[in-house]
Amino acid sequence: QVQLVESGGGLVQAGGSLRLSCAASGTIFSTNTMGWYRQAPGKQREWVALITSVGDTNYAGSVKGRFTISRDSAGNTVYLQMNSLKPEDTAVYYCNRCSRVGVPLYASWGQGTQVTVSS
């Protein structure tokens, strides 16, 4: 019974920063590759970033150089540091266990956390 809880979203001015957190409970371990996803109004959910159990990372081209994904092995928590935010980053952000190519693996998504970037 896995539950993923995202937090840290909010309203920020373009160029600002936010740090998102994903807390996982249930049968999820440090061996899992974890990813961040986002969905803007009227758009499909898209993969943003992932981190493997050994700390390897990968990013979507739209966020590379601006976002950083990290994880805390001690507690089932994954983070997304977002810098130089742009209005086009506005979306609901979700986390999920995923494959090494960013395919989400848990069928149930959390509530997500809203990120709104004003121009």
PDB file of N, CA and C in Angstrom:
ATOM      1  N   GLN A   1       0.849  -1.177   0.000  1.00  0.00           N
ATOM      2  CA  GLN A   1       0.000   0.000   0.000  1.00  0.00           C
ATOM      3  C   GLN A   1       0.893   1.237   0.000  1.00  0.00           C
ATOM      4  N   VAL A   2       1.198   1.719  -1.191  1.00  0.00           N
ATOM      5  CA  VAL A   2       2.092   2.848  -1.357  1.00  0.00           C
ATOM      6  C   VAL A   2       1.293   4.142  -1.454  1.00  0.00           C
ATOM      7  N   GLN A   3       1.760   5.137  -0.746  1.00  0.00           N
ATOM      8  CA  GLN A   3       1.167   6.457  -0.833  1.00  0.00           C
ATOM      9  C   GLN A   3       2.281   7.473  -1.067  1.00  0.00           C
ATOM     10  N   LEU A   4       2.085   8.331  -2.044  1.00  0.00           N
ATOM     11  CA  LEU A   4       3.044   9.363  -2.381  1.00  0.00           C
ATOM     12  C   LEU A   4       2.428  10.720  -2.081  1.00  0.00           C
ATOM     13  N   VAL A   5       3.137  11.515  -1.315  1.00  0.00           N
ATOM     14  CA  VAL A   5       2.639  12.819  -0.909  1.00  0.00           C
ATOM     15  C   VAL A   5       3.619  13.897  -1.337  1.00  0.00           C
ATOM     16  N   GLU A   6       3.162  14.786  -2.212  1.00  0.00           N
ATOM     17  CA  GLU A   6       3.981  15.882  -2.701  1.00  0.00           C
ATOM     18  C   GLU A   6       3.681  17.154  -1.912  1.00  0.00           C
ATOM     19  N   SER A   7       4.701  17.975  -1.734  1.00  0.00           N
ATOM     20  CA  SER A   7       4.528  19.235  -1.029  1.00  0.00           C
ATOM     21  C   SER A   7       5.585  20.227  -1.491  1.00  0.00           C
ATOM     22  N   GLY A   8       5.416  21.477  -1.112  1.00  0.00           N
ATOM     23  CA  GLY A   8       6.401  22.502  -1.400  1.00  0.00           C
ATOM     24  C   GLY A   8       6.038  23.461  -2.510  1.00  0.00           C
ATOM     25  N   GLY A   9       4.929  23.221  -3.188  1.00  0.00           N
ATOM     26  CA  GLY A   9       4.526  24.104  -4.262  1.00  0.00           C
ATOM     27  C   GLY A   9       4.037  25.437  -3.738  1.00  0.00           C
ATOM     28  N   GLY A  10       3.811  26.352  -4.663  1.00  0.00           N
ATOM     29  CA  GLY A  10       3.334  27.659  -4.288  1.00  0.00           C
ATOM     30  C   GLY A  10       3.370  28.622  -5.447  1.00  0.00           C
ATOM     31  N   LEU A  11       3.172  29.880  -5.138  1.00  0.00           N
ATOM     32  CA  LEU A  11       3.195  30.949  -6.126  1.00  0.00           C
ATOM     33  C   LEU A  11       4.529  31.664  -6.050  1.00  0.00           C
ATOM     34  N   VAL A  12       5.184  31.801  -7.187  1.00  0.00           N
ATOM     35  CA  VAL A  12       6.489  32.439  -7.228  1.00  0.00           C
ATOM     36  C   VAL A  12       6.618  33.290  -8.482  1.00  0.00           C
ATOM     37  N   GLN A  13       7.396  34.336  -8.391  1.00  0.00           N
ATOM     38  CA  GLN A  13       7.646  35.207  -9.526  1.00  0.00           C
ATOM     39  C   GLN A  13       8.661  34.564 -10.467  1.00  0.00           C
ATOM     40  N   ALA A  14       8.545  34.856 -11.747  1.00  0.00           N
ATOM     41  CA  ALA A  14       9.502  34.339 -12.714  1.00  0.00           C
ATOM     42  C   ALA A  14      10.927  34.662 -12.281  1.00  0.00           C
ATOM     43  N   GLY A  15      11.796  33.653 -12.400  1.00  0.00           N
ATOM     44  CA  GLY A  15      13.167  33.807 -11.968  1.00  0.00           C
ATOM     45  C   GLY A  15      13.415  33.324 -10.557  1.00  0.00           C
ATOM     46  N   GLY A  16      12.350  33.051  -9.833  1.00  0.00           N
ATOM     47  CA  GLY A  16      12.465  32.592  -8.464  1.00  0.00           C
ATOM     48  C   GLY A  16      12.702  31.105  -8.354  1.00  0.00           C
ATOM     49  N   SER A  17      12.668  30.606  -7.113  1.00  0.00           N
ATOM     50  CA  SER A  17      12.962  29.208  -6.844  1.00  0.00           C
ATOM     51  C   SER A  17      11.943  28.582  -5.909  1.00  0.00           C
ATOM     52  N   LEU A  18      11.797  27.274  -6.033  1.00  0.00           N
ATOM     53  CA  LEU A  18      10.970  26.479  -5.141  1.00  0.00           C
ATOM     54  C   LEU A  18      11.639  25.133  -4.948  1.00  0.00           C
ATOM     55  N   ARG A  19      11.392  24.507  -3.812  1.00  0.00           N
ATOM     56  CA  ARG A  19      11.905  23.174  -3.534  1.00  0.00           C
ATOM     57  C   ARG A  19      10.733  22.262  -3.198  1.00  0.00           C
ATOM     58  N   LEU A  20      10.508  21.261  -4.030  1.00  0.00           N
ATOM     59  CA  LEU A  20       9.429  20.315  -3.830  1.00  0.00           C
ATOM     60  C   LEU A  20       9.936  19.074  -3.098  1.00  0.00           C
ATOM     61  N   SER A  21       9.050  18.462  -2.320  1.00  0.00           N
ATOM     62  CA  SER A  21       9.379  17.239  -1.606  1.00  0.00           C
ATOM     63  C   SER A  21       8.364  16.164  -1.937  1.00  0.00           C
ATOM     64  N   CYS A  22       8.818  14.934  -1.978  1.00  0.00           N
ATOM     65  CA  CYS A  22       7.969  13.775  -2.200  1.00  0.00           C
ATOM     66  C   CYS A  22       8.249  12.770  -1.107  1.00  0.00           C
ATOM     67  N   ALA A  23       7.253  12.498  -0.290  1.00  0.00           N
ATOM     68  CA  ALA A  23       7.382  11.530   0.785  1.00  0.00           C
ATOM     69  C   ALA A  23       6.659  10.254   0.390  1.00  0.00           C
ATOM     70  N   ALA A  24       7.353   9.145   0.477  1.00  0.00           N
ATOM     71  CA  ALA A  24       6.788   7.857   0.107  1.00  0.00           C
ATOM     72  C   ALA A  24       6.613   6.976   1.331  1.00  0.00           C
ATOM     73  N   SER A  25       5.480   6.304   1.396  1.00  0.00           N
ATOM     74  CA  SER A  25       5.218   5.368   2.473  1.00  0.00           C
ATOM     75  C   SER A  25       4.760   4.045   1.886  1.00  0.00           C
ATOM     76  N   GLY A  26       4.815   2.989   2.702  1.00  0.00           N
ATOM     77  CA  GLY A  26       4.415   1.687   2.226  1.00  0.00           C
ATOM     78  C   GLY A  26       5.590   0.920   1.644  1.00  0.00           C
ATOM     79  N   THR A  27       5.291   0.038   0.711  1.00  0.00           N
ATOM     80  CA  THR A  27       6.312  -0.832   0.135  1.00  0.00           C
ATOM     81  C   THR A  27       7.098  -0.150  -0.974  1.00  0.00           C
ATOM     82  N   ILE A  28       7.905   0.790  -0.579  1.00  0.00           N
ATOM     83  CA  ILE A  28       8.801   1.472  -1.496  1.00  0.00           C
ATOM     84  C   ILE A  28      10.140   1.611  -0.790  1.00  0.00           C
ATOM     85  N   PHE A  29      11.199   1.343  -1.501  1.00  0.00           N
ATOM     86  CA  PHE A  29      12.515   1.277  -0.897  1.00  0.00           C
ATOM     87  C   PHE A  29      13.523   2.152  -1.630  1.00  0.00           C
ATOM     88  N   SER A  30      14.699   2.277  -1.029  1.00  0.00           N
ATOM     89  CA  SER A  30      15.755   3.095  -1.607  1.00  0.00           C
ATOM     90  C   SER A  30      16.278   2.538  -2.925  1.00  0.00           C
ATOM     91  N   THR A  31      15.933   1.314  -3.244  1.00  0.00           N
ATOM     92  CA  THR A  31      16.364   0.704  -4.502  1.00  0.00           C
ATOM     93  C   THR A  31      15.527   1.157  -5.693  1.00  0.00           C
ATOM     94  N   ASN A  32      14.451   1.855  -5.438  1.00  0.00           N
ATOM     95  CA  ASN A  32      13.573   2.308  -6.512  1.00  0.00           C
ATOM     96  C   ASN A  32      14.102   3.559  -7.198  1.00  0.00           C
ATOM     97  N   THR A  33      13.960   3.587  -8.517  1.00  0.00           N
ATOM     98  CA  THR A  33      14.189   4.816  -9.252  1.00  0.00           C
ATOM     99  C   THR A  33      12.932   5.671  -9.098  1.00  0.00           C
ATOM    100  N   MET A  34      13.113   6.940  -8.778  1.00  0.00           N
ATOM    101  CA  MET A  34      11.987   7.834  -8.551  1.00  0.00           C
ATOM    102  C   MET A  34      12.024   8.997  -9.531  1.00  0.00           C
ATOM    103  N   GLY A  35      10.839   9.461  -9.892  1.00  0.00           N
ATOM    104  CA  GLY A  35      10.760  10.542 -10.852  1.00  0.00           C
ATOM    105  C   GLY A  35       9.760  11.614 -10.468  1.00  0.00           C
ATOM    106  N   TRP A  36       9.942  12.771 -11.060  1.00  0.00           N
ATOM    107  CA  TRP A  36       8.999  13.877 -10.945  1.00  0.00           C
ATOM    108  C   TRP A  36       8.312  14.079 -12.286  1.00  0.00           C
ATOM    109  N   TYR A  37       7.028  14.399 -12.227  1.00  0.00           N
ATOM    110  CA  TYR A  37       6.211  14.638 -13.409  1.00  0.00           C
ATOM    111  C   TYR A  37       5.415  15.912 -13.195  1.00  0.00           C
ATOM    112  N   ARG A  38       4.907  16.480 -14.266  1.00  0.00           N
ATOM    113  CA  ARG A  38       4.073  17.661 -14.127  1.00  0.00           C
ATOM    114  C   ARG A  38       2.988  17.663 -15.194  1.00  0.00           C
ATOM    115  N   GLN A  39       1.894  18.332 -14.871  1.00  0.00           N
ATOM    116  CA  GLN A  39       0.782  18.443 -15.796  1.00  0.00           C
ATOM    117  C   GLN A  39       0.234  19.856 -15.754  1.00  0.00           C
ATOM    118  N   ALA A  40       0.323  20.535 -16.881  1.00  0.00           N
ATOM    119  CA  ALA A  40      -0.214  21.877 -17.017  1.00  0.00           C
ATOM    120  C   ALA A  40      -1.647  21.792 -17.525  1.00  0.00           C
ATOM    121  N   PRO A  41      -2.444  22.830 -17.307  1.00  0.00           N
ATOM    122  CA  PRO A  41      -3.831  22.818 -17.769  1.00  0.00           C
ATOM    123  C   PRO A  41      -3.933  22.546 -19.265  1.00  0.00           C
ATOM    124  N   GLY A  42      -4.767  21.582 -19.632  1.00  0.00           N
ATOM    125  CA  GLY A  42      -4.961  21.246 -21.028  1.00  0.00           C
ATOM    126  C   GLY A  42      -3.832  20.469 -21.664  1.00  0.00           C
ATOM    127  N   LYS A  43      -2.849  20.065 -20.878  1.00  0.00           N
ATOM    128  CA  LYS A  43      -1.700  19.337 -21.401  1.00  0.00           C
ATOM    129  C   LYS A  43      -1.605  17.942 -20.792  1.00  0.00           C
ATOM    130  N   GLN A  44      -0.863  17.072 -21.452  1.00  0.00           N
ATOM    131  CA  GLN A  44      -0.610  15.742 -20.920  1.00  0.00           C
ATOM    132  C   GLN A  44       0.409  15.817 -19.794  1.00  0.00           C
ATOM    133  N   ARG A  45       0.359  14.840 -18.907  1.00  0.00           N
ATOM    134  CA  ARG A  45       1.367  14.748 -17.878  1.00  0.00           C
ATOM    135  C   ARG A  45       2.694  14.406 -18.535  1.00  0.00           C
ATOM    136  N   GLU A  46       3.753  15.096 -18.154  1.00  0.00           N
ATOM    137  CA  GLU A  46       5.058  14.858 -18.741  1.00  0.00           C
ATOM    138  C   GLU A  46       6.110  14.572 -17.677  1.00  0.00           C
ATOM    139  N   TRP A  47       7.076  13.782 -18.049  1.00  0.00           N
ATOM    140  CA  TRP A  47       8.190  13.466 -17.178  1.00  0.00           C
ATOM    141  C   TRP A  47       9.134  14.664 -17.086  1.00  0.00           C
ATOM    142  N   VAL A  48       9.634  14.917 -15.899  1.00  0.00           N
ATOM    143  CA  VAL A  48      10.500  16.063 -15.653  1.00  0.00           C
ATOM    144  C   VAL A  48      11.922  15.641 -15.300  1.00  0.00           C
ATOM    145  N   ALA A  49      12.055  14.708 -14.358  1.00  0.00           N
ATOM    146  CA  ALA A  49      13.374  14.296 -13.893  1.00  0.00           C
ATOM    147  C   ALA A  49      13.280  12.952 -13.190  1.00  0.00           C
ATOM    148  N   LEU A  50      14.396  12.255 -13.083  1.00  0.00           N
ATOM    149  CA  LEU A  50      14.447  11.007 -12.334  1.00  0.00           C
ATOM    150  C   LEU A  50      15.776  10.854 -11.638  1.00  0.00           C
ATOM    151  N   ILE A  51      15.772  10.000 -10.623  1.00  0.00           N
ATOM    152  CA  ILE A  51      16.997   9.687  -9.902  1.00  0.00           C
ATOM    153  C   ILE A  51      16.977   8.207  -9.553  1.00  0.00           C
ATOM    154  N   THR A  52      18.081   7.515  -9.803  1.00  0.00           N
ATOM    155  CA  THR A  52      18.172   6.087  -9.536  1.00  0.00           C
ATOM    156  C   THR A  52      18.572   5.835  -8.095  1.00  0.00           C
ATOM    157  N   SER A  53      18.591   4.561  -7.723  1.00  0.00           N
ATOM    158  CA  SER A  53      18.951   4.175  -6.364  1.00  0.00           C
ATOM    159  C   SER A  53      20.391   4.521  -6.019  1.00  0.00           C
ATOM    160  N   VAL A  54      21.240   4.665  -7.041  1.00  0.00           N
ATOM    161  CA  VAL A  54      22.641   4.991  -6.801  1.00  0.00           C
ATOM    162  C   VAL A  54      22.938   6.464  -7.065  1.00  0.00           C
ATOM    163  N   GLY A  55      21.903   7.252  -7.316  1.00  0.00           N
ATOM    164  CA  GLY A  55      22.082   8.682  -7.450  1.00  0.00           C
ATOM    165  C   GLY A  55      22.275   9.223  -8.852  1.00  0.00           C
ATOM    166  N   ASP A  56      22.198   8.378  -9.866  1.00  0.00           N
ATOM    167  CA  ASP A  56      22.265   8.877 -11.236  1.00  0.00           C
ATOM    168  C   ASP A  56      20.994   9.657 -11.550  1.00  0.00           C
ATOM    169  N   THR A  57      21.127  10.738 -12.284  1.00  0.00           N
ATOM    170  CA  THR A  57      19.983  11.596 -12.584  1.00  0.00           C
ATOM    171  C   THR A  57      19.820  11.817 -14.071  1.00  0.00           C
ATOM    172  N   ASN A  58      18.606  12.187 -14.453  1.00  0.00           N
ATOM    173  CA  ASN A  58      18.312  12.526 -15.832  1.00  0.00           C
ATOM    174  C   ASN A  58      17.182  13.551 -15.834  1.00  0.00           C
ATOM    175  N   TYR A  59      17.185  14.438 -16.819  1.00  0.00           N
ATOM    176  CA  TYR A  59      16.230  15.535 -16.866  1.00  0.00           C
ATOM    177  C   TYR A  59      15.637  15.718 -18.252  1.00  0.00           C
ATOM    178  N   ALA A  60      14.417  16.223 -18.269  1.00  0.00           N
ATOM    179  CA  ALA A  60      13.818  16.634 -19.519  1.00  0.00           C
ATOM    180  C   ALA A  60      14.564  17.867 -20.022  1.00  0.00           C
ATOM    181  N   GLY A  61      14.657  17.996 -21.333  1.00  0.00           N
ATOM    182  CA  GLY A  61      15.396  19.113 -21.900  1.00  0.00           C
ATOM    183  C   GLY A  61      14.883  20.473 -21.461  1.00  0.00           C
ATOM    184  N   SER A  62      13.598  20.573 -21.194  1.00  0.00           N
ATOM    185  CA  SER A  62      12.996  21.847 -20.828  1.00  0.00           C
ATOM    186  C   SER A  62      13.424  22.352 -19.455  1.00  0.00           C
ATOM    187  N   VAL A  63      13.936  21.461 -18.605  1.00  0.00           N
ATOM    188  CA  VAL A  63      14.312  21.856 -17.250  1.00  0.00           C
ATOM    189  C   VAL A  63      15.790  21.652 -16.958  1.00  0.00           C
ATOM    190  N   LYS A  64      16.506  21.031 -17.862  1.00  0.00           N
ATOM    191  CA  LYS A  64      17.924  20.752 -17.646  1.00  0.00           C
ATOM    192  C   LYS A  64      18.690  22.046 -17.405  1.00  0.00           C
ATOM    193  N   GLY A  65      19.509  22.027 -16.362  1.00  0.00           N
ATOM    194  CA  GLY A  65      20.283  23.196 -16.005  1.00  0.00           C
ATOM    195  C   GLY A  65      19.585  24.114 -15.026  1.00  0.00           C
ATOM    196  N   ARG A  66      18.283  23.921 -14.833  1.00  0.00           N
ATOM    197  CA  ARG A  66      17.513  24.745 -13.912  1.00  0.00           C
ATOM    198  C   ARG A  66      16.994  23.960 -12.713  1.00  0.00           C
ATOM    199  N   PHE A  67      16.644  22.695 -12.921  1.00  0.00           N
ATOM    200  CA  PHE A  67      16.097  21.847 -11.863  1.00  0.00           C
ATOM    201  C   PHE A  67      17.134  20.829 -11.420  1.00  0.00           C
ATOM    202  N   THR A  68      17.073  20.432 -10.153  1.00  0.00           N
ATOM    203  CA  THR A  68      17.949  19.407  -9.613  1.00  0.00           C
ATOM    204  C   THR A  68      17.137  18.437  -8.770  1.00  0.00           C
ATOM    205  N   ILE A  69      17.218  17.152  -9.093  1.00  0.00           N
ATOM    206  CA  ILE A  69      16.539  16.130  -8.319  1.00  0.00           C
ATOM    207  C   ILE A  69      17.539  15.477  -7.374  1.00  0.00           C
ATOM    208  N   SER A  70      17.088  15.161  -6.175  1.00  0.00           N
ATOM    209  CA  SER A  70      17.939  14.510  -5.193  1.00  0.00           C
ATOM    210  C   SER A  70      17.082  13.611  -4.316  1.00  0.00           C
ATOM    211  N   ARG A  71      17.723  12.777  -3.519  1.00  0.00           N
ATOM    212  CA  ARG A  71      16.984  11.892  -2.639  1.00  0.00           C
ATOM    213  C   ARG A  71      17.686  11.715  -1.315  1.00  0.00           C
ATOM    214  N   ASP A  72      16.912  11.398  -0.307  1.00  0.00           N
ATOM    215  CA  ASP A  72      17.405  11.136   1.022  1.00  0.00           C
ATOM    216  C   ASP A  72      17.207   9.652   1.289  1.00  0.00           C
ATOM    217  N   SER A  73      18.302   8.903   1.329  1.00  0.00           N
ATOM    218  CA  SER A  73      18.220   7.454   1.531  1.00  0.00           C
ATOM    219  C   SER A  73      17.732   7.086   2.929  1.00  0.00           C
ATOM    220  N   ALA A  74      17.977   7.952   3.891  1.00  0.00           N
ATOM    221  CA  ALA A  74      17.579   7.675   5.266  1.00  0.00           C
ATOM    222  C   ALA A  74      16.058   7.662   5.434  1.00  0.00           C
ATOM    223  N   GLY A  75      15.388   8.570   4.752  1.00  0.00           N
ATOM    224  CA  GLY A  75      13.941   8.627   4.771  1.00  0.00           C
ATOM    225  C   GLY A  75      13.434   8.637   3.350  1.00  0.00           C
ATOM    226  N   ASN A  76      12.362   7.960   3.069  1.00  0.00           N
ATOM    227  CA  ASN A  76      11.848   7.842   1.711  1.00  0.00           C
ATOM    228  C   ASN A  76      11.363   9.181   1.168  1.00  0.00           C
ATOM    229  N   THR A  77      12.318  10.068   0.907  1.00  0.00           N
ATOM    230  CA  THR A  77      12.001  11.400   0.438  1.00  0.00           C
ATOM    231  C   THR A  77      12.821  11.741  -0.789  1.00  0.00           C
ATOM    232  N   VAL A  78      12.158  12.308  -1.779  1.00  0.00           N
ATOM    233  CA  VAL A  78      12.804  12.773  -3.002  1.00  0.00           C
ATOM    234  C   VAL A  78      12.503  14.255  -3.154  1.00  0.00           C
ATOM    235  N   TYR A  79      13.487  15.008  -3.616  1.00  0.00           N
ATOM    236  CA  TYR A  79      13.342  16.449  -3.729  1.00  0.00           C
ATOM    237  C   TYR A  79      13.508  16.917  -5.167  1.00  0.00           C
ATOM    238  N   LEU A  80      12.942  18.073  -5.443  1.00  0.00           N
ATOM    239  CA  LEU A  80      13.140  18.725  -6.730  1.00  0.00           C
ATOM    240  C   LEU A  80      13.394  20.200  -6.461  1.00  0.00           C
ATOM    241  N   GLN A  81      14.640  20.612  -6.613  1.00  0.00           N
ATOM    242  CA  GLN A  81      15.002  22.013  -6.475  1.00  0.00           C
ATOM    243  C   GLN A  81      14.805  22.683  -7.819  1.00  0.00           C
ATOM    244  N   MET A  82      13.955  23.694  -7.864  1.00  0.00           N
ATOM    245  CA  MET A  82      13.624  24.374  -9.104  1.00  0.00           C
ATOM    246  C   MET A  82      14.110  25.810  -9.032  1.00  0.00           C
ATOM    247  N   ASN A  83      15.043  26.147  -9.905  1.00  0.00           N
ATOM    248  CA  ASN A  83      15.591  27.494  -9.972  1.00  0.00           C
ATOM    249  C   ASN A  83      15.250  28.129 -11.313  1.00  0.00           C
ATOM    250  N   SER A  84      15.397  29.437 -11.377  1.00  0.00           N
ATOM    251  CA  SER A  84      15.135  30.187 -12.608  1.00  0.00           C
ATOM    252  C   SER A  84      13.793  29.809 -13.213  1.00  0.00           C
ATOM    253  N   LEU A  85      12.780  29.794 -12.386  1.00  0.00           N
ATOM    254  CA  LEU A  85      11.455  29.362 -12.822  1.00  0.00           C
ATOM    255  C   LEU A  85      10.874  30.286 -13.884  1.00  0.00           C
ATOM    256  N   LYS A  86      10.159  29.679 -14.814  1.00  0.00           N
ATOM    257  CA  LYS A  86       9.513  30.378 -15.908  1.00  0.00           C
ATOM    258  C   LYS A  86       8.008  30.162 -15.842  1.00  0.00           C
ATOM    259  N   PRO A  87       7.216  31.059 -16.420  1.00  0.00           N
ATOM    260  CA  PRO A  87       5.767  30.867 -16.422  1.00  0.00           C
ATOM    261  C   PRO A  87       5.352  29.524 -17.015  1.00  0.00           C
ATOM    262  N   GLU A  88       6.083  29.020 -17.989  1.00  0.00           N
ATOM    263  CA  GLU A  88       5.751  27.741 -18.597  1.00  0.00           C
ATOM    264  C   GLU A  88       6.004  26.548 -17.682  1.00  0.00           C
ATOM    265  N   ASP A  89       6.621  26.777 -16.522  1.00  0.00           N
ATOM    266  CA  ASP A  89       6.785  25.729 -15.527  1.00  0.00           C
ATOM    267  C   ASP A  89       5.528  25.552 -14.685  1.00  0.00           C
ATOM    268  N   THR A  90       4.566  26.435 -14.843  1.00  0.00           N
ATOM    269  CA  THR A  90       3.325  26.355 -14.091  1.00  0.00           C
ATOM    270  C   THR A  90       2.618  25.036 -14.377  1.00  0.00           C
ATOM    271  N   ALA A  91       2.349  24.274 -13.329  1.00  0.00           N
ATOM    272  CA  ALA A  91       1.735  22.955 -13.468  1.00  0.00           C
ATOM    273  C   ALA A  91       1.522  22.353 -12.090  1.00  0.00           C
ATOM    274  N   VAL A  92       0.808  21.237 -12.067  1.00  0.00           N
ATOM    275  CA  VAL A  92       0.739  20.421 -10.868  1.00  0.00           C
ATOM    276  C   VAL A  92       1.863  19.403 -10.974  1.00  0.00           C
ATOM    277  N   TYR A  93       2.675  19.320  -9.947  1.00  0.00           N
ATOM    278  CA  TYR A  93       3.827  18.435  -9.953  1.00  0.00           C
ATOM    279  C   TYR A  93       3.558  17.185  -9.127  1.00  0.00           C
ATOM    280  N   TYR A  94       3.915  16.036  -9.693  1.00  0.00           N
ATOM    281  CA  TYR A  94       3.698  14.743  -9.062  1.00  0.00           C
ATOM    282  C   TYR A  94       5.006  13.963  -8.988  1.00  0.00           C
ATOM    283  N   CYS A  95       5.080  13.029  -8.051  1.00  0.00           N
ATOM    284  CA  CYS A  95       6.197  12.099  -8.013  1.00  0.00           C
ATOM    285  C   CYS A  95       5.669  10.686  -8.167  1.00  0.00           C
ATOM    286  N   ASN A  96       6.543   9.790  -8.563  1.00  0.00           N
ATOM    287  CA  ASN A  96       6.163   8.399  -8.752  1.00  0.00           C
ATOM    288  C   ASN A  96       7.429   7.555  -8.885  1.00  0.00           C
ATOM    289  N   ARG A  97       7.312   6.294  -8.555  1.00  0.00           N
ATOM    290  CA  ARG A  97       8.363   5.351  -8.900  1.00  0.00           C
ATOM    291  C   ARG A  97       8.353   5.236 -10.414  1.00  0.00           C
ATOM    292  N   CYS A  98       9.522   5.081 -11.023  1.00  0.00           N
ATOM    293  CA  CYS A  98       9.567   5.018 -12.471  1.00  0.00           C
ATOM    294  C   CYS A  98      10.707   4.144 -12.949  1.00  0.00           C
ATOM    295  N   SER A  99      10.677   3.856 -14.238  1.00  0.00           N
ATOM    296  CA  SER A  99      11.759   3.127 -14.870  1.00  0.00           C
ATOM    297  C   SER A  99      12.924   4.077 -15.107  1.00  0.00           C
ATOM    298  N   ARG A 100      14.020   3.538 -15.588  1.00  0.00           N
ATOM    299  CA  ARG A 100      15.194   4.365 -15.852  1.00  0.00           C
ATOM    300  C   ARG A 100      15.033   5.256 -17.076  1.00  0.00           C
ATOM    301  N   VAL A 101      13.916   5.102 -17.770  1.00  0.00           N
ATOM    302  CA  VAL A 101      13.627   5.989 -18.895  1.00  0.00           C
ATOM    303  C   VAL A 101      12.410   6.854 -18.609  1.00  0.00           C
ATOM    304  N   GLY A 102      11.992   6.893 -17.350  1.00  0.00           N
ATOM    305  CA  GLY A 102      10.961   7.816 -16.943  1.00  0.00           C
ATOM    306  C   GLY A 102       9.524   7.346 -17.039  1.00  0.00           C
ATOM    307  N   VAL A 103       9.305   6.065 -17.275  1.00  0.00           N
ATOM    308  CA  VAL A 103       7.944   5.543 -17.333  1.00  0.00           C
ATOM    309  C   VAL A 103       7.425   5.335 -15.909  1.00  0.00           C
ATOM    310  N   PRO A 104       6.306   5.957 -15.535  1.00  0.00           N
ATOM    311  CA  PRO A 104       5.777   5.790 -14.176  1.00  0.00           C
ATOM    312  C   PRO A 104       5.300   4.370 -13.941  1.00  0.00           C
ATOM    313  N   LEU A 105       5.497   3.865 -12.718  1.00  0.00           N
ATOM    314  CA  LEU A 105       5.208   2.468 -12.423  1.00  0.00           C
ATOM    315  C   LEU A 105       4.046   2.239 -11.469  1.00  0.00           C
ATOM    316  N   TYR A 106       3.730   3.190 -10.626  1.00  0.00           N
ATOM    317  CA  TYR A 106       2.576   3.049  -9.751  1.00  0.00           C
ATOM    318  C   TYR A 106       1.343   3.614 -10.436  1.00  0.00           C
ATOM    319  N   ALA A 107       0.277   2.830 -10.443  1.00  0.00           N
ATOM    320  CA  ALA A 107      -0.939   3.239 -11.135  1.00  0.00           C
ATOM    321  C   ALA A 107      -1.638   4.406 -10.451  1.00  0.00           C
ATOM    322  N   SER A 108      -1.520   4.485  -9.139  1.00  0.00           N
ATOM    323  CA  SER A 108      -2.178   5.544  -8.381  1.00  0.00           C
ATOM    324  C   SER A 108      -1.244   6.726  -8.159  1.00  0.00           C
ATOM    325  N   TRP A 109      -1.724   7.907  -8.539  1.00  0.00           N
ATOM    326  CA  TRP A 109      -0.968   9.130  -8.361  1.00  0.00           C
ATOM    327  C   TRP A 109      -1.417   9.860  -7.099  1.00  0.00           C
ATOM    328  N   GLY A 110      -0.510  10.640  -6.546  1.00  0.00           N
ATOM    329  CA  GLY A 110      -0.860  11.448  -5.391  1.00  0.00           C
ATOM    330  C   GLY A 110      -1.650  12.662  -5.812  1.00  0.00           C
ATOM    331  N   GLN A 111      -1.896  13.556  -4.869  1.00  0.00           N
ATOM    332  CA  GLN A 111      -2.653  14.767  -5.165  1.00  0.00           C
ATOM    333  C   GLN A 111      -1.831  15.789  -5.940  1.00  0.00           C
ATOM    334  N   GLY A 112      -0.528  15.670  -5.857  1.00  0.00           N
ATOM    335  CA  GLY A 112       0.344  16.623  -6.515  1.00  0.00           C
ATOM    336  C   GLY A 112       0.441  17.921  -5.733  1.00  0.00           C
ATOM    337  N   THR A 113       1.342  18.783  -6.167  1.00  0.00           N
ATOM    338  CA  THR A 113       1.480  20.088  -5.541  1.00  0.00           C
ATOM    339  C   THR A 113       1.532  21.147  -6.637  1.00  0.00           C
ATOM    340  N   GLN A 114       0.749  22.190  -6.471  1.00  0.00           N
ATOM    341  CA  GLN A 114       0.606  23.224  -7.491  1.00  0.00           C
ATOM    342  C   GLN A 114       1.783  24.187  -7.469  1.00  0.00           C
ATOM    343  N   VAL A 115       2.364  24.397  -8.634  1.00  0.00           N
ATOM    344  CA  VAL A 115       3.415  25.391  -8.818  1.00  0.00           C
ATOM    345  C   VAL A 115       2.902  26.417  -9.817  1.00  0.00           C
ATOM    346  N   THR A 116       2.863  27.664  -9.398  1.00  0.00           N
ATOM    347  CA  THR A 116       2.403  28.738 -10.265  1.00  0.00           C
ATOM    348  C   THR A 116       3.488  29.799 -10.357  1.00  0.00           C
ATOM    349  N   VAL A 117       3.909  30.093 -11.572  1.00  0.00           N
ATOM    350  CA  VAL A 117       4.967  31.073 -11.805  1.00  0.00           C
ATOM    351  C   VAL A 117       4.373  32.257 -12.552  1.00  0.00           C
ATOM    352  N   SER A 118       4.416  33.412 -11.939  1.00  0.00           N
ATOM    353  CA  SER A 118       3.870  34.618 -12.542  1.00  0.00           C
ATOM    354  C   SER A 118       4.932  35.330 -13.365  1.00  0.00           C
ATOM    355  N   SER A 119       4.502  35.998 -14.421  1.00  0.00           N
ATOM    356  CA  SER A 119       5.414  36.723 -15.286  1.00  0.00           C
ATOM    357  C   SER A 119       5.651  38.133 -14.796  1.00  0.00           C
TER     358      SER A 119
END
